[in-house]
Amino acid sequence: MNLTVISRGGARYDVTSGTHTLVTDQPIKDGGGDAGMSPVELFVGSLGSCVAYFVGRYCARHQIPCEGFTVDVEWSYAEQPHRVGAVELRVNLPSVVTPEQREKLLKVAHGCTVHQSLVVPSKVEVNLVSRKL
């Protein structure tokens, strides 16, 4: 699997995967043009949307009404190194669930692919390819 990130000048980058393209940028106060989410917002949004997908599928399989549900995500930074240090997700379902359903929904949410990729860190390798002089 792969995707490509293309510099569009300044702090703007287009992220392309197959036929889909997302724009990332920085807020104006940080020197960007605010043309899209920052990479950190995209990272946290990826976690939130993954949890939403897993919860939505579970609800559909178990006939738990969830149309229009939301996932609110709050995060804070940590230092040494600078990174996202804490993330809190709040799944807001429009229906009442039993304690047993609640327990299962939380287990499903924790099992989403992005969450598991954070809990069990992935190997990340950065290589540099440049033109020869």
N, C-alpha and C. Protein backbone atom coordinates (compact mmCIF):
# COMPACT_ATOMS: atom_id res chain seq x y z
N MET A 1 0.86 -1.17 0.00
CA MET A 1 0.00 0.00 0.00
C MET A 1 0.90 1.23 0.00
N ASN A 2 0.44 2.28 -0.67
CA ASN A 2 1.24 3.49 -0.70
C ASN A 2 0.37 4.71 -0.97
N LEU A 3 0.95 5.86 -0.69
CA LEU A 3 0.36 7.14 -1.05
C LEU A 3 1.51 8.10 -1.33
N THR A 4 1.20 9.25 -1.87
CA THR A 4 2.22 10.23 -2.22
C THR A 4 1.87 11.58 -1.62
N VAL A 5 2.87 12.25 -1.07
CA VAL A 5 2.71 13.60 -0.53
C VAL A 5 3.49 14.53 -1.44
N ILE A 6 2.81 15.55 -1.98
CA ILE A 6 3.41 16.47 -2.93
C ILE A 6 3.42 17.88 -2.35
N SER A 7 4.58 18.52 -2.37
CA SER A 7 4.71 19.90 -1.91
C SER A 7 4.02 20.83 -2.91
N ARG A 8 3.18 21.71 -2.39
CA ARG A 8 2.48 22.69 -3.23
C ARG A 8 2.90 24.11 -2.90
N GLY A 9 4.03 24.24 -2.20
CA GLY A 9 4.55 25.56 -1.85
C GLY A 9 4.14 25.96 -0.45
N GLY A 10 5.03 26.70 0.19
CA GLY A 10 4.76 27.11 1.57
C GLY A 10 4.64 25.90 2.46
N ALA A 11 3.60 25.86 3.26
CA ALA A 11 3.38 24.75 4.19
C ALA A 11 2.27 23.81 3.70
N ARG A 12 1.88 23.96 2.42
CA ARG A 12 0.79 23.15 1.86
C ARG A 12 1.35 21.90 1.18
N TYR A 13 0.67 20.78 1.45
CA TYR A 13 1.01 19.50 0.83
C TYR A 13 -0.26 18.79 0.43
N ASP A 14 -0.26 18.16 -0.73
CA ASP A 14 -1.37 17.32 -1.15
C ASP A 14 -1.00 15.87 -0.88
N VAL A 15 -1.90 15.15 -0.25
CA VAL A 15 -1.70 13.75 0.07
C VAL A 15 -2.64 12.97 -0.85
N THR A 16 -2.05 12.16 -1.74
CA THR A 16 -2.84 11.43 -2.73
C THR A 16 -2.71 9.94 -2.53
N SER A 17 -3.86 9.28 -2.48
CA SER A 17 -3.92 7.82 -2.39
C SER A 17 -4.98 7.37 -3.39
N GLY A 18 -4.55 6.68 -4.42
CA GLY A 18 -5.49 6.26 -5.46
C GLY A 18 -6.12 7.47 -6.10
N THR A 19 -7.45 7.55 -6.06
CA THR A 19 -8.17 8.66 -6.69
C THR A 19 -8.53 9.76 -5.69
N HIS A 20 -8.04 9.66 -4.46
CA HIS A 20 -8.40 10.62 -3.41
C HIS A 20 -7.22 11.52 -3.06
N THR A 21 -7.53 12.81 -2.86
CA THR A 21 -6.50 13.77 -2.47
C THR A 21 -7.00 14.60 -1.29
N LEU A 22 -6.13 14.71 -0.28
CA LEU A 22 -6.38 15.57 0.87
C LEU A 22 -5.34 16.69 0.86
N VAL A 23 -5.73 17.85 1.34
CA VAL A 23 -4.81 18.97 1.45
C VAL A 23 -4.44 19.13 2.92
N THR A 24 -3.13 19.22 3.19
CA THR A 24 -2.69 19.60 4.53
C THR A 24 -1.99 20.94 4.43
N ASP A 25 -2.10 21.71 5.47
CA ASP A 25 -1.49 23.03 5.52
C ASP A 25 -1.34 23.41 6.99
N GLN A 26 -0.77 24.53 7.24
CA GLN A 26 -0.64 25.04 8.60
C GLN A 26 -1.53 26.27 8.73
N PRO A 27 -1.95 26.57 9.94
CA PRO A 27 -2.72 27.80 10.15
C PRO A 27 -1.90 29.02 9.72
N ILE A 28 -2.57 30.08 9.41
CA ILE A 28 -1.90 31.31 8.98
C ILE A 28 -0.91 31.78 10.04
N LYS A 29 -1.30 31.67 11.33
CA LYS A 29 -0.42 32.13 12.41
C LYS A 29 0.89 31.33 12.46
N ASP A 30 0.90 30.13 11.86
CA ASP A 30 2.11 29.30 11.84
C ASP A 30 2.80 29.33 10.48
N GLY A 31 2.44 30.30 9.64
CA GLY A 31 3.11 30.46 8.36
C GLY A 31 2.48 29.73 7.19
N GLY A 32 1.33 29.15 7.40
CA GLY A 32 0.64 28.45 6.32
C GLY A 32 -0.46 29.29 5.72
N GLY A 33 -1.21 28.69 4.81
CA GLY A 33 -2.33 29.36 4.18
C GLY A 33 -3.68 28.87 4.67
N ASP A 34 -3.69 27.93 5.61
CA ASP A 34 -4.91 27.38 6.19
C ASP A 34 -5.83 26.78 5.13
N ALA A 35 -5.22 26.12 4.13
CA ALA A 35 -5.99 25.52 3.03
C ALA A 35 -6.54 24.14 3.39
N GLY A 36 -6.10 23.60 4.51
CA GLY A 36 -6.57 22.28 4.92
C GLY A 36 -6.16 22.02 6.36
N MET A 37 -6.49 20.84 6.83
CA MET A 37 -6.09 20.46 8.18
C MET A 37 -4.58 20.39 8.28
N SER A 38 -4.07 20.63 9.47
CA SER A 38 -2.64 20.42 9.69
C SER A 38 -2.39 18.92 9.73
N PRO A 39 -1.15 18.49 9.53
CA PRO A 39 -0.87 17.05 9.62
C PRO A 39 -1.28 16.45 10.96
N VAL A 40 -1.14 17.21 12.05
CA VAL A 40 -1.53 16.68 13.36
C VAL A 40 -3.06 16.52 13.43
N GLU A 41 -3.80 17.49 12.91
CA GLU A 41 -5.26 17.35 12.86
C GLU A 41 -5.65 16.15 12.01
N LEU A 42 -4.96 15.95 10.91
CA LEU A 42 -5.24 14.79 10.06
C LEU A 42 -4.95 13.49 10.81
N PHE A 43 -3.84 13.46 11.56
CA PHE A 43 -3.47 12.29 12.36
C PHE A 43 -4.55 11.97 13.39
N VAL A 44 -4.95 12.97 14.15
CA VAL A 44 -5.97 12.78 15.18
C VAL A 44 -7.32 12.47 14.54
N GLY A 45 -7.60 13.13 13.42
CA GLY A 45 -8.84 12.86 12.69
C GLY A 45 -8.88 11.44 12.14
N SER A 46 -7.73 10.92 11.76
CA SER A 46 -7.66 9.54 11.30
C SER A 46 -8.06 8.58 12.41
N LEU A 47 -7.58 8.84 13.61
CA LEU A 47 -7.95 8.01 14.75
C LEU A 47 -9.46 8.11 15.01
N GLY A 48 -9.98 9.32 15.04
CA GLY A 48 -11.41 9.51 15.29
C GLY A 48 -12.29 8.86 14.24
N SER A 49 -11.91 8.99 12.97
CA SER A 49 -12.74 8.40 11.91
C SER A 49 -12.63 6.88 11.89
N CYS A 50 -11.48 6.34 12.29
CA CYS A 50 -11.33 4.89 12.38
C CYS A 50 -12.21 4.34 13.49
N VAL A 51 -12.21 4.98 14.64
CA VAL A 51 -13.08 4.57 15.74
C VAL A 51 -14.54 4.65 15.28
N ALA A 52 -14.91 5.73 14.60
CA ALA A 52 -16.29 5.90 14.12
C ALA A 52 -16.67 4.76 13.17
N TYR A 53 -15.78 4.41 12.28
CA TYR A 53 -16.05 3.33 11.32
C TYR A 53 -16.31 2.01 12.05
N PHE A 54 -15.45 1.67 12.99
CA PHE A 54 -15.60 0.40 13.72
C PHE A 54 -16.88 0.41 14.56
N VAL A 55 -17.17 1.51 15.23
CA VAL A 55 -18.39 1.61 16.04
C VAL A 55 -19.62 1.54 15.14
N GLY A 56 -19.59 2.25 14.03
CA GLY A 56 -20.72 2.24 13.10
C GLY A 56 -21.02 0.85 12.56
N ARG A 57 -19.96 0.12 12.22
CA ARG A 57 -20.16 -1.25 11.72
C ARG A 57 -20.74 -2.15 12.80
N TYR A 58 -20.24 -2.00 14.03
CA TYR A 58 -20.76 -2.81 15.14
C TYR A 58 -22.25 -2.51 15.34
N CYS A 59 -22.59 -1.23 15.36
CA CYS A 59 -23.99 -0.85 15.56
C CYS A 59 -24.87 -1.42 14.45
N ALA A 60 -24.42 -1.36 13.21
CA ALA A 60 -25.20 -1.90 12.09
C ALA A 60 -25.41 -3.40 12.25
N ARG A 61 -24.36 -4.11 12.64
CA ARG A 61 -24.47 -5.57 12.80
C ARG A 61 -25.41 -5.95 13.93
N HIS A 62 -25.52 -5.10 14.94
CA HIS A 62 -26.31 -5.44 16.13
C HIS A 62 -27.58 -4.60 16.25
N GLN A 63 -27.98 -3.99 15.15
CA GLN A 63 -29.21 -3.19 15.09
C GLN A 63 -29.30 -2.14 16.20
N ILE A 64 -28.18 -1.47 16.45
CA ILE A 64 -28.17 -0.36 17.41
C ILE A 64 -28.28 0.92 16.60
N PRO A 65 -29.36 1.68 16.76
CA PRO A 65 -29.52 2.91 15.98
C PRO A 65 -28.34 3.86 16.22
N CYS A 66 -27.72 4.31 15.14
CA CYS A 66 -26.57 5.20 15.30
C CYS A 66 -26.49 6.28 14.22
N GLU A 67 -27.51 6.41 13.40
CA GLU A 67 -27.45 7.39 12.33
C GLU A 67 -27.16 8.78 12.88
N GLY A 68 -26.18 9.45 12.30
CA GLY A 68 -25.82 10.79 12.72
C GLY A 68 -24.95 10.85 13.97
N PHE A 69 -24.44 9.70 14.44
CA PHE A 69 -23.61 9.75 15.65
C PHE A 69 -22.31 10.49 15.37
N THR A 70 -21.68 10.98 16.41
CA THR A 70 -20.44 11.72 16.27
C THR A 70 -19.36 11.14 17.19
N VAL A 71 -18.14 11.46 16.83
CA VAL A 71 -16.99 11.16 17.69
C VAL A 71 -16.26 12.48 17.88
N ASP A 72 -16.21 12.96 19.11
CA ASP A 72 -15.48 14.17 19.44
C ASP A 72 -14.09 13.76 19.92
N VAL A 73 -13.09 14.45 19.43
CA VAL A 73 -11.71 14.10 19.77
C VAL A 73 -11.00 15.33 20.31
N GLU A 74 -10.39 15.18 21.47
CA GLU A 74 -9.56 16.25 22.05
C GLU A 74 -8.17 15.69 22.23
N TRP A 75 -7.16 16.54 22.02
CA TRP A 75 -5.80 16.08 22.20
C TRP A 75 -4.95 17.19 22.78
N SER A 76 -3.84 16.77 23.35
CA SER A 76 -2.86 17.72 23.88
C SER A 76 -1.48 17.26 23.46
N TYR A 77 -0.57 18.17 23.54
CA TYR A 77 0.81 17.89 23.15
C TYR A 77 1.67 17.50 24.34
N ALA A 78 2.73 16.81 24.06
CA ALA A 78 3.76 16.49 25.05
C ALA A 78 5.09 16.90 24.43
N GLU A 79 6.10 17.00 25.25
CA GLU A 79 7.41 17.42 24.78
C GLU A 79 8.46 16.33 25.02
N GLN A 80 9.63 16.55 24.41
CA GLN A 80 10.80 15.68 24.61
C GLN A 80 10.55 14.25 24.17
N PRO A 81 10.20 14.00 22.94
CA PRO A 81 10.09 14.92 21.80
C PRO A 81 8.68 15.52 21.67
N HIS A 82 8.58 16.60 20.90
CA HIS A 82 7.29 17.24 20.64
C HIS A 82 6.41 16.25 19.88
N ARG A 83 5.20 15.99 20.42
CA ARG A 83 4.32 15.00 19.82
C ARG A 83 2.91 15.16 20.40
N VAL A 84 1.97 14.42 19.86
CA VAL A 84 0.66 14.31 20.47
C VAL A 84 0.86 13.43 21.69
N GLY A 85 0.56 13.96 22.86
CA GLY A 85 0.82 13.23 24.10
C GLY A 85 -0.38 12.52 24.68
N ALA A 86 -1.57 13.04 24.40
CA ALA A 86 -2.79 12.42 24.93
C ALA A 86 -3.94 12.70 23.98
N VAL A 87 -4.79 11.70 23.82
CA VAL A 87 -5.97 11.82 22.98
C VAL A 87 -7.16 11.27 23.75
N GLU A 88 -8.25 12.01 23.75
CA GLU A 88 -9.49 11.53 24.36
C GLU A 88 -10.58 11.55 23.29
N LEU A 89 -11.24 10.41 23.11
CA LEU A 89 -12.33 10.30 22.15
C LEU A 89 -13.64 10.09 22.89
N ARG A 90 -14.68 10.78 22.43
CA ARG A 90 -16.00 10.64 23.04
C ARG A 90 -16.97 10.26 21.92
N VAL A 91 -17.48 9.02 21.99
CA VAL A 91 -18.45 8.52 21.01
C VAL A 91 -19.84 8.91 21.50
N ASN A 92 -20.55 9.69 20.71
CA ASN A 92 -21.87 10.19 21.07
C ASN A 92 -22.93 9.45 20.26
N LEU A 93 -23.56 8.45 20.86
CA LEU A 93 -24.59 7.68 20.18
C LEU A 93 -25.97 8.28 20.45
N PRO A 94 -26.85 8.27 19.46
CA PRO A 94 -28.19 8.83 19.65
C PRO A 94 -29.17 7.88 20.33
N SER A 95 -28.70 6.70 20.71
CA SER A 95 -29.59 5.72 21.33
C SER A 95 -29.04 5.27 22.67
N VAL A 96 -29.91 4.68 23.46
CA VAL A 96 -29.52 4.14 24.76
C VAL A 96 -28.94 2.75 24.52
N VAL A 97 -27.83 2.45 25.20
CA VAL A 97 -27.24 1.12 25.09
C VAL A 97 -27.17 0.48 26.48
N THR A 98 -27.22 -0.83 26.48
CA THR A 98 -27.13 -1.56 27.74
C THR A 98 -25.68 -1.55 28.21
N PRO A 99 -25.44 -1.85 29.48
CA PRO A 99 -24.05 -1.94 29.95
C PRO A 99 -23.23 -2.96 29.14
N GLU A 100 -23.85 -4.07 28.75
CA GLU A 100 -23.14 -5.06 27.95
C GLU A 100 -22.78 -4.51 26.57
N GLN A 101 -23.72 -3.80 25.93
CA GLN A 101 -23.44 -3.19 24.62
C GLN A 101 -22.35 -2.13 24.76
N ARG A 102 -22.40 -1.36 25.83
CA ARG A 102 -21.39 -0.32 26.07
C ARG A 102 -20.00 -0.94 26.15
N GLU A 103 -19.88 -2.01 26.92
CA GLU A 103 -18.59 -2.69 27.06
C GLU A 103 -18.08 -3.20 25.71
N LYS A 104 -18.97 -3.79 24.93
CA LYS A 104 -18.58 -4.32 23.62
C LYS A 104 -18.23 -3.20 22.65
N LEU A 105 -18.99 -2.10 22.68
CA LEU A 105 -18.69 -0.97 21.80
C LEU A 105 -17.33 -0.35 22.13
N LEU A 106 -17.01 -0.24 23.41
CA LEU A 106 -15.70 0.29 23.79
C LEU A 106 -14.58 -0.64 23.35
N LYS A 107 -14.80 -1.94 23.45
CA LYS A 107 -13.80 -2.91 22.99
C LYS A 107 -13.59 -2.79 21.49
N VAL A 108 -14.67 -2.64 20.75
CA VAL A 108 -14.59 -2.47 19.30
C VAL A 108 -13.84 -1.18 18.96
N ALA A 109 -14.16 -0.10 19.67
CA ALA A 109 -13.50 1.18 19.42
C ALA A 109 -11.99 1.07 19.65
N HIS A 110 -11.60 0.42 20.73
CA HIS A 110 -10.18 0.24 21.03
C HIS A 110 -9.49 -0.66 20.00
N GLY A 111 -10.27 -1.48 19.32
CA GLY A 111 -9.70 -2.40 18.34
C GLY A 111 -9.53 -1.83 16.95
N CYS A 112 -9.89 -0.57 16.75
CA CYS A 112 -9.75 0.00 15.40
C CYS A 112 -8.29 -0.01 14.97
N THR A 113 -8.07 -0.11 13.68
CA THR A 113 -6.73 -0.28 13.12
C THR A 113 -5.78 0.85 13.50
N VAL A 114 -6.25 2.09 13.44
CA VAL A 114 -5.38 3.22 13.77
C VAL A 114 -5.02 3.19 15.26
N HIS A 115 -5.99 2.92 16.12
CA HIS A 115 -5.70 2.84 17.56
C HIS A 115 -4.68 1.74 17.84
N GLN A 116 -4.87 0.59 17.23
CA GLN A 116 -3.94 -0.51 17.44
C GLN A 116 -2.55 -0.19 16.90
N SER A 117 -2.48 0.63 15.84
CA SER A 117 -1.18 1.04 15.30
C SER A 117 -0.44 1.98 16.24
N LEU A 118 -1.17 2.66 17.11
CA LEU A 118 -0.55 3.51 18.12
C LEU A 118 -0.16 2.71 19.36
N VAL A 119 -1.01 1.78 19.74
CA VAL A 119 -0.78 0.98 20.93
C VAL A 119 0.40 0.03 20.73
N VAL A 120 0.47 -0.55 19.55
CA VAL A 120 1.59 -1.42 19.19
C VAL A 120 2.35 -0.67 18.09
N PRO A 121 3.36 0.11 18.47
CA PRO A 121 4.00 1.02 17.52
C PRO A 121 4.50 0.32 16.26
N SER A 122 4.26 0.99 15.15
CA SER A 122 4.72 0.52 13.86
C SER A 122 6.19 0.86 13.67
N LYS A 123 6.87 0.08 12.88
CA LYS A 123 8.23 0.44 12.49
C LYS A 123 8.11 1.55 11.45
N VAL A 124 8.77 2.66 11.69
CA VAL A 124 8.75 3.79 10.77
C VAL A 124 10.18 4.01 10.30
N GLU A 125 10.36 4.00 9.00
CA GLU A 125 11.68 4.19 8.41
C GLU A 125 11.61 5.38 7.46
N VAL A 126 12.50 6.33 7.60
CA VAL A 126 12.55 7.49 6.72
C VAL A 126 13.83 7.40 5.91
N ASN A 127 13.69 7.43 4.59
CA ASN A 127 14.85 7.41 3.68
C ASN A 127 14.87 8.69 2.88
N LEU A 128 16.02 9.10 2.44
CA LEU A 128 16.17 10.31 1.62
C LEU A 128 16.72 9.93 0.27
N VAL A 129 16.04 10.38 -0.78
CA VAL A 129 16.51 10.15 -2.15
C VAL A 129 16.67 11.54 -2.76
N SER A 130 17.86 11.83 -3.25
CA SER A 130 18.07 13.14 -3.89
C SER A 130 18.81 12.92 -5.21
N ARG A 131 18.73 13.93 -6.03
CA ARG A 131 19.44 13.87 -7.31
C ARG A 131 20.93 13.88 -7.06
N LYS A 132 21.66 13.21 -7.90
CA LYS A 132 23.12 13.22 -7.79
C LYS A 132 23.65 14.50 -8.39
N LEU A 133 24.73 15.01 -7.80
CA LEU A 133 25.36 16.23 -8.32
C LEU A 133 26.07 15.99 -9.61
